[in-house]
Amino acid sequence: MLQVTPVTKIAASGPPGGPFSPSSFSYTLSATSGSVNYSITTPSWLTASSTSGTVTTSSTNITFTINSGADKLLPNAYVNSIIFNSTANSQASTTRVATLTVTGVESLGALMPSPE
């Protein structure tokens, strides 16, 4: 069985075009016994250091980084899932929620002429 830790969801935020904080985070994968083949599906604004492989009872760290796709997103909260699939059993998947909040324009005043 595939184990994914921690069990917490991730959340990042930043202004349109970035930077986003935190810019990366990690999950640890391991097998409860033997070895397990896995695949990972991410939202388009997130890149995994590995999207498939094999884990054993020794843990493997997977780093997720907010990619340039996030730079094009409009202000909004983007709530998506990271799906960790055990390829040996398509029914055995683990999901973690990933939220990216693109905040509104920080300062419109800097773009507008000052009153005279």
N, C-alpha and C. Protein backbone atom coordinates (compact mmCIF):
# COMPACT_ATOMS: atom_id res chain seq x y z
N MET A 1 0.84 -1.18 0.00
CA MET A 1 0.00 0.00 0.00
C MET A 1 0.89 1.24 0.00
N LEU A 2 0.48 2.26 -0.74
CA LEU A 2 1.22 3.51 -0.84
C LEU A 2 0.85 4.42 0.32
N GLN A 3 1.87 4.94 1.00
CA GLN A 3 1.65 5.90 2.09
C GLN A 3 2.18 7.26 1.65
N VAL A 4 1.40 8.32 1.97
CA VAL A 4 1.78 9.69 1.63
C VAL A 4 1.72 10.51 2.91
N THR A 5 2.84 11.15 3.25
CA THR A 5 2.87 12.02 4.42
C THR A 5 3.48 13.36 4.03
N PRO A 6 3.09 14.45 4.67
CA PRO A 6 2.08 14.52 5.72
C PRO A 6 0.67 14.43 5.15
N VAL A 7 -0.30 14.37 6.03
CA VAL A 7 -1.70 14.26 5.60
C VAL A 7 -2.31 15.64 5.35
N THR A 8 -1.57 16.69 5.60
CA THR A 8 -2.09 18.05 5.46
C THR A 8 -2.13 18.48 4.00
N LYS A 9 -3.03 19.42 3.73
CA LYS A 9 -3.11 20.02 2.41
C LYS A 9 -2.06 21.13 2.32
N ILE A 10 -1.81 21.62 1.13
CA ILE A 10 -0.88 22.73 0.98
C ILE A 10 -1.63 23.95 0.51
N ALA A 11 -1.09 25.11 0.82
CA ALA A 11 -1.67 26.36 0.38
C ALA A 11 -0.55 27.35 0.11
N ALA A 12 -0.65 28.05 -1.00
CA ALA A 12 0.32 29.08 -1.36
C ALA A 12 -0.47 30.28 -1.86
N SER A 13 0.16 31.44 -1.82
CA SER A 13 -0.52 32.64 -2.32
C SER A 13 0.50 33.64 -2.81
N GLY A 14 0.00 34.60 -3.59
CA GLY A 14 0.85 35.66 -4.09
C GLY A 14 0.08 36.52 -5.07
N PRO A 15 0.69 37.62 -5.50
CA PRO A 15 0.03 38.53 -6.44
C PRO A 15 0.06 37.96 -7.86
N PRO A 16 -0.75 38.52 -8.76
CA PRO A 16 -0.72 38.05 -10.16
C PRO A 16 0.72 38.12 -10.70
N GLY A 17 1.15 37.07 -11.34
CA GLY A 17 2.50 37.01 -11.88
C GLY A 17 3.54 36.54 -10.88
N GLY A 18 3.14 36.34 -9.61
CA GLY A 18 4.05 35.86 -8.57
C GLY A 18 4.82 37.00 -7.95
N PRO A 19 5.71 36.73 -7.05
CA PRO A 19 6.09 35.39 -6.58
C PRO A 19 5.03 34.81 -5.64
N PHE A 20 5.04 33.49 -5.53
CA PHE A 20 4.10 32.79 -4.67
C PHE A 20 4.84 32.19 -3.49
N SER A 21 4.19 32.21 -2.35
CA SER A 21 4.84 31.72 -1.14
C SER A 21 3.92 30.75 -0.41
N PRO A 22 4.41 29.58 -0.02
CA PRO A 22 5.74 29.08 -0.36
C PRO A 22 5.79 28.70 -1.84
N SER A 23 6.98 28.71 -2.41
CA SER A 23 7.13 28.40 -3.83
C SER A 23 7.26 26.90 -4.07
N SER A 24 7.54 26.15 -3.00
CA SER A 24 7.63 24.70 -3.12
C SER A 24 7.30 24.05 -1.78
N PHE A 25 7.01 22.74 -1.84
CA PHE A 25 6.70 21.96 -0.65
C PHE A 25 6.92 20.50 -0.99
N SER A 26 6.92 19.64 0.01
CA SER A 26 7.25 18.23 -0.22
C SER A 26 6.25 17.29 0.43
N TYR A 27 6.13 16.12 -0.18
CA TYR A 27 5.43 14.99 0.42
C TYR A 27 6.38 13.81 0.37
N THR A 28 6.24 12.91 1.32
CA THR A 28 7.08 11.72 1.39
C THR A 28 6.22 10.51 1.05
N LEU A 29 6.74 9.69 0.14
CA LEU A 29 6.05 8.47 -0.28
C LEU A 29 6.81 7.26 0.23
N SER A 30 6.08 6.23 0.62
CA SER A 30 6.69 4.96 1.01
C SER A 30 5.66 3.85 0.85
N ALA A 31 6.14 2.63 0.90
CA ALA A 31 5.27 1.45 0.83
C ALA A 31 5.15 0.86 2.22
N THR A 32 3.97 0.36 2.56
CA THR A 32 3.81 -0.27 3.88
C THR A 32 4.60 -1.56 3.96
N SER A 33 4.80 -2.23 2.80
CA SER A 33 5.66 -3.42 2.72
C SER A 33 6.04 -3.63 1.26
N GLY A 34 7.17 -4.24 1.03
CA GLY A 34 7.61 -4.53 -0.33
C GLY A 34 7.87 -3.27 -1.12
N SER A 35 7.38 -3.25 -2.36
CA SER A 35 7.53 -2.07 -3.20
C SER A 35 6.21 -1.78 -3.90
N VAL A 36 6.01 -0.50 -4.23
CA VAL A 36 4.76 -0.06 -4.87
C VAL A 36 5.14 0.90 -6.00
N ASN A 37 4.57 0.66 -7.18
CA ASN A 37 4.71 1.60 -8.29
C ASN A 37 3.67 2.70 -8.09
N TYR A 38 4.06 3.94 -8.43
CA TYR A 38 3.14 5.07 -8.24
C TYR A 38 3.17 5.99 -9.45
N SER A 39 2.13 6.79 -9.57
CA SER A 39 2.08 7.90 -10.51
C SER A 39 1.41 9.06 -9.78
N ILE A 40 1.78 10.28 -10.19
CA ILE A 40 1.26 11.48 -9.54
C ILE A 40 0.65 12.39 -10.59
N THR A 41 -0.55 12.88 -10.31
CA THR A 41 -1.22 13.85 -11.18
C THR A 41 -1.32 15.16 -10.41
N THR A 42 -0.91 16.26 -11.06
CA THR A 42 -0.91 17.57 -10.41
C THR A 42 -1.75 18.57 -11.20
N PRO A 43 -2.16 19.66 -10.55
CA PRO A 43 -2.79 20.75 -11.30
C PRO A 43 -1.75 21.36 -12.26
N SER A 44 -2.21 22.07 -13.28
CA SER A 44 -1.31 22.62 -14.29
C SER A 44 -0.31 23.63 -13.73
N TRP A 45 -0.60 24.24 -12.60
CA TRP A 45 0.29 25.26 -12.04
C TRP A 45 1.33 24.67 -11.08
N LEU A 46 1.40 23.37 -11.02
CA LEU A 46 2.29 22.69 -10.08
C LEU A 46 3.12 21.63 -10.80
N THR A 47 4.43 21.57 -10.50
CA THR A 47 5.32 20.58 -11.09
C THR A 47 5.88 19.69 -9.98
N ALA A 48 5.84 18.38 -10.20
CA ALA A 48 6.39 17.41 -9.24
C ALA A 48 7.80 17.02 -9.69
N SER A 49 8.70 16.82 -8.72
CA SER A 49 10.07 16.40 -9.04
C SER A 49 10.10 15.02 -9.67
N SER A 50 9.07 14.22 -9.43
CA SER A 50 8.90 12.91 -10.05
C SER A 50 7.41 12.66 -10.19
N THR A 51 6.99 12.20 -11.35
CA THR A 51 5.56 11.94 -11.55
C THR A 51 5.25 10.45 -11.56
N SER A 52 6.29 9.61 -11.52
CA SER A 52 6.06 8.17 -11.44
C SER A 52 7.34 7.49 -11.00
N GLY A 53 7.19 6.28 -10.49
CA GLY A 53 8.34 5.52 -10.04
C GLY A 53 7.93 4.39 -9.14
N THR A 54 8.89 3.92 -8.36
CA THR A 54 8.67 2.82 -7.43
C THR A 54 9.20 3.24 -6.06
N VAL A 55 8.40 3.00 -5.03
CA VAL A 55 8.85 3.26 -3.66
C VAL A 55 8.87 1.96 -2.88
N THR A 56 9.71 1.94 -1.86
CA THR A 56 9.81 0.79 -0.97
C THR A 56 9.47 1.26 0.44
N THR A 57 9.82 0.47 1.42
CA THR A 57 9.57 0.88 2.80
C THR A 57 10.50 2.03 3.20
N SER A 58 11.57 2.26 2.43
CA SER A 58 12.41 3.46 2.62
C SER A 58 11.70 4.61 1.92
N SER A 59 11.59 5.74 2.58
CA SER A 59 10.80 6.84 2.04
C SER A 59 11.50 7.55 0.87
N THR A 60 10.67 8.10 0.00
CA THR A 60 11.12 8.90 -1.14
C THR A 60 10.45 10.25 -1.02
N ASN A 61 11.24 11.31 -1.13
CA ASN A 61 10.73 12.67 -1.02
C ASN A 61 10.40 13.21 -2.41
N ILE A 62 9.19 13.74 -2.57
CA ILE A 62 8.77 14.36 -3.83
C ILE A 62 8.54 15.84 -3.55
N THR A 63 9.23 16.69 -4.32
CA THR A 63 9.08 18.14 -4.16
C THR A 63 8.14 18.67 -5.23
N PHE A 64 7.23 19.52 -4.82
CA PHE A 64 6.28 20.16 -5.72
C PHE A 64 6.62 21.64 -5.78
N THR A 65 6.73 22.17 -7.00
CA THR A 65 7.11 23.57 -7.20
C THR A 65 6.04 24.28 -8.00
N ILE A 66 5.70 25.49 -7.58
CA ILE A 66 4.75 26.30 -8.34
C ILE A 66 5.46 26.75 -9.61
N ASN A 67 4.88 26.42 -10.77
CA ASN A 67 5.55 26.69 -12.04
C ASN A 67 5.04 27.97 -12.71
N SER A 68 5.57 28.26 -13.89
CA SER A 68 5.23 29.50 -14.59
C SER A 68 3.76 29.55 -15.03
N GLY A 69 3.08 28.41 -15.04
CA GLY A 69 1.65 28.41 -15.35
C GLY A 69 0.86 29.25 -14.36
N ALA A 70 1.35 29.34 -13.13
CA ALA A 70 0.67 30.14 -12.11
C ALA A 70 0.77 31.63 -12.40
N ASP A 71 1.81 32.04 -13.13
CA ASP A 71 2.02 33.46 -13.43
C ASP A 71 0.90 34.04 -14.29
N LYS A 72 0.19 33.18 -15.02
CA LYS A 72 -0.86 33.63 -15.93
C LYS A 72 -2.25 33.62 -15.30
N LEU A 73 -2.35 33.12 -14.08
CA LEU A 73 -3.66 33.01 -13.45
C LEU A 73 -4.17 34.35 -12.94
N LEU A 74 -5.46 34.58 -13.10
CA LEU A 74 -6.10 35.80 -12.62
C LEU A 74 -6.39 35.68 -11.13
N PRO A 75 -6.59 36.81 -10.45
CA PRO A 75 -6.90 36.74 -9.02
C PRO A 75 -8.10 35.83 -8.75
N ASN A 76 -7.87 34.85 -7.89
CA ASN A 76 -8.90 33.88 -7.54
C ASN A 76 -8.25 32.84 -6.63
N ALA A 77 -9.06 31.97 -6.05
CA ALA A 77 -8.54 30.82 -5.29
C ALA A 77 -8.68 29.60 -6.18
N TYR A 78 -7.58 28.94 -6.46
CA TYR A 78 -7.56 27.74 -7.30
C TYR A 78 -7.37 26.54 -6.38
N VAL A 79 -8.43 25.77 -6.21
CA VAL A 79 -8.41 24.61 -5.33
C VAL A 79 -8.41 23.36 -6.21
N ASN A 80 -7.32 22.61 -6.13
CA ASN A 80 -7.16 21.43 -6.97
C ASN A 80 -6.69 20.26 -6.11
N SER A 81 -6.55 19.11 -6.74
CA SER A 81 -6.07 17.92 -6.04
C SER A 81 -4.76 17.44 -6.62
N ILE A 82 -3.89 16.98 -5.74
CA ILE A 82 -2.72 16.21 -6.14
C ILE A 82 -3.13 14.77 -5.91
N ILE A 83 -3.04 13.94 -6.95
CA ILE A 83 -3.49 12.55 -6.84
C ILE A 83 -2.28 11.63 -6.91
N PHE A 84 -2.11 10.85 -5.86
CA PHE A 84 -1.04 9.85 -5.78
C PHE A 84 -1.70 8.50 -6.05
N ASN A 85 -1.37 7.89 -7.18
CA ASN A 85 -1.97 6.61 -7.57
C ASN A 85 -0.99 5.47 -7.36
N SER A 86 -1.49 4.38 -6.82
CA SER A 86 -0.74 3.13 -6.79
C SER A 86 -1.06 2.45 -8.11
N THR A 87 -0.05 2.29 -8.98
CA THR A 87 -0.33 1.75 -10.31
C THR A 87 -0.64 0.26 -10.29
N ALA A 88 -0.37 -0.41 -9.18
CA ALA A 88 -0.70 -1.83 -9.07
C ALA A 88 -2.20 -2.02 -8.86
N ASN A 89 -2.85 -1.01 -8.31
CA ASN A 89 -4.27 -1.10 -8.00
C ASN A 89 -4.88 0.26 -8.27
N SER A 90 -5.57 0.41 -9.40
CA SER A 90 -6.09 1.72 -9.80
C SER A 90 -7.09 2.28 -8.79
N GLN A 91 -7.61 1.44 -7.90
CA GLN A 91 -8.55 1.92 -6.89
C GLN A 91 -7.83 2.53 -5.69
N ALA A 92 -6.52 2.30 -5.58
CA ALA A 92 -5.78 2.76 -4.42
C ALA A 92 -5.12 4.09 -4.72
N SER A 93 -5.84 5.16 -4.48
CA SER A 93 -5.26 6.48 -4.67
C SER A 93 -5.41 7.30 -3.40
N THR A 94 -4.48 8.23 -3.25
CA THR A 94 -4.49 9.14 -2.12
C THR A 94 -4.49 10.54 -2.69
N THR A 95 -5.30 11.41 -2.11
CA THR A 95 -5.44 12.77 -2.62
C THR A 95 -5.04 13.78 -1.54
N ARG A 96 -4.36 14.82 -1.97
CA ARG A 96 -4.06 15.96 -1.11
C ARG A 96 -4.57 17.20 -1.82
N VAL A 97 -5.17 18.11 -1.06
CA VAL A 97 -5.70 19.35 -1.63
C VAL A 97 -4.56 20.37 -1.76
N ALA A 98 -4.50 21.00 -2.92
CA ALA A 98 -3.52 22.05 -3.19
C ALA A 98 -4.29 23.31 -3.55
N THR A 99 -4.07 24.38 -2.81
CA THR A 99 -4.76 25.65 -3.06
C THR A 99 -3.75 26.73 -3.39
N LEU A 100 -3.98 27.41 -4.49
CA LEU A 100 -3.18 28.57 -4.86
C LEU A 100 -4.10 29.77 -4.89
N THR A 101 -3.82 30.75 -4.06
CA THR A 101 -4.61 31.97 -4.03
C THR A 101 -3.83 33.08 -4.70
N VAL A 102 -4.36 33.55 -5.83
CA VAL A 102 -3.77 34.68 -6.52
C VAL A 102 -4.52 35.90 -6.01
N THR A 103 -3.81 36.74 -5.30
CA THR A 103 -4.42 37.91 -4.66
C THR A 103 -4.69 39.00 -5.69
N GLY A 104 -5.50 39.99 -5.30
CA GLY A 104 -5.79 41.12 -6.19
C GLY A 104 -4.56 41.96 -6.40
N VAL A 105 -4.65 42.90 -7.31
CA VAL A 105 -3.53 43.80 -7.58
C VAL A 105 -3.19 44.52 -6.29
N GLU A 106 -1.92 44.49 -5.93
CA GLU A 106 -1.49 45.03 -4.64
C GLU A 106 -1.71 46.53 -4.53
N SER A 107 -1.37 47.29 -5.57
CA SER A 107 -1.48 48.73 -5.44
C SER A 107 -1.85 49.35 -6.77
N LEU A 108 -3.12 49.67 -6.92
CA LEU A 108 -3.56 50.35 -8.13
C LEU A 108 -3.11 51.79 -8.12
N GLY A 109 -2.89 52.35 -6.96
CA GLY A 109 -2.47 53.74 -6.83
C GLY A 109 -1.19 54.02 -7.59
N ALA A 110 -0.30 53.06 -7.63
CA ALA A 110 0.97 53.26 -8.32
C ALA A 110 0.77 53.35 -9.84
N LEU A 111 -0.36 52.86 -10.33
CA LEU A 111 -0.63 52.87 -11.77
C LEU A 111 -1.48 54.07 -12.20
N MET A 112 -2.02 54.79 -11.23
CA MET A 112 -2.92 55.90 -11.55
C MET A 112 -2.20 57.21 -11.30
N PRO A 113 -2.51 58.21 -12.14
CA PRO A 113 -1.88 59.52 -11.90
C PRO A 113 -2.36 60.12 -10.59
N SER A 114 -1.47 60.83 -9.95
CA SER A 114 -1.86 61.44 -8.68
C SER A 114 -2.76 62.65 -8.93
N PRO A 115 -3.72 62.87 -8.03
CA PRO A 115 -4.64 64.02 -8.20
C PRO A 115 -3.87 65.34 -8.08
N GLU A 116 -4.30 66.33 -8.87
CA GLU A 116 -3.61 67.61 -8.82
C GLU A 116 -4.44 68.67 -8.20
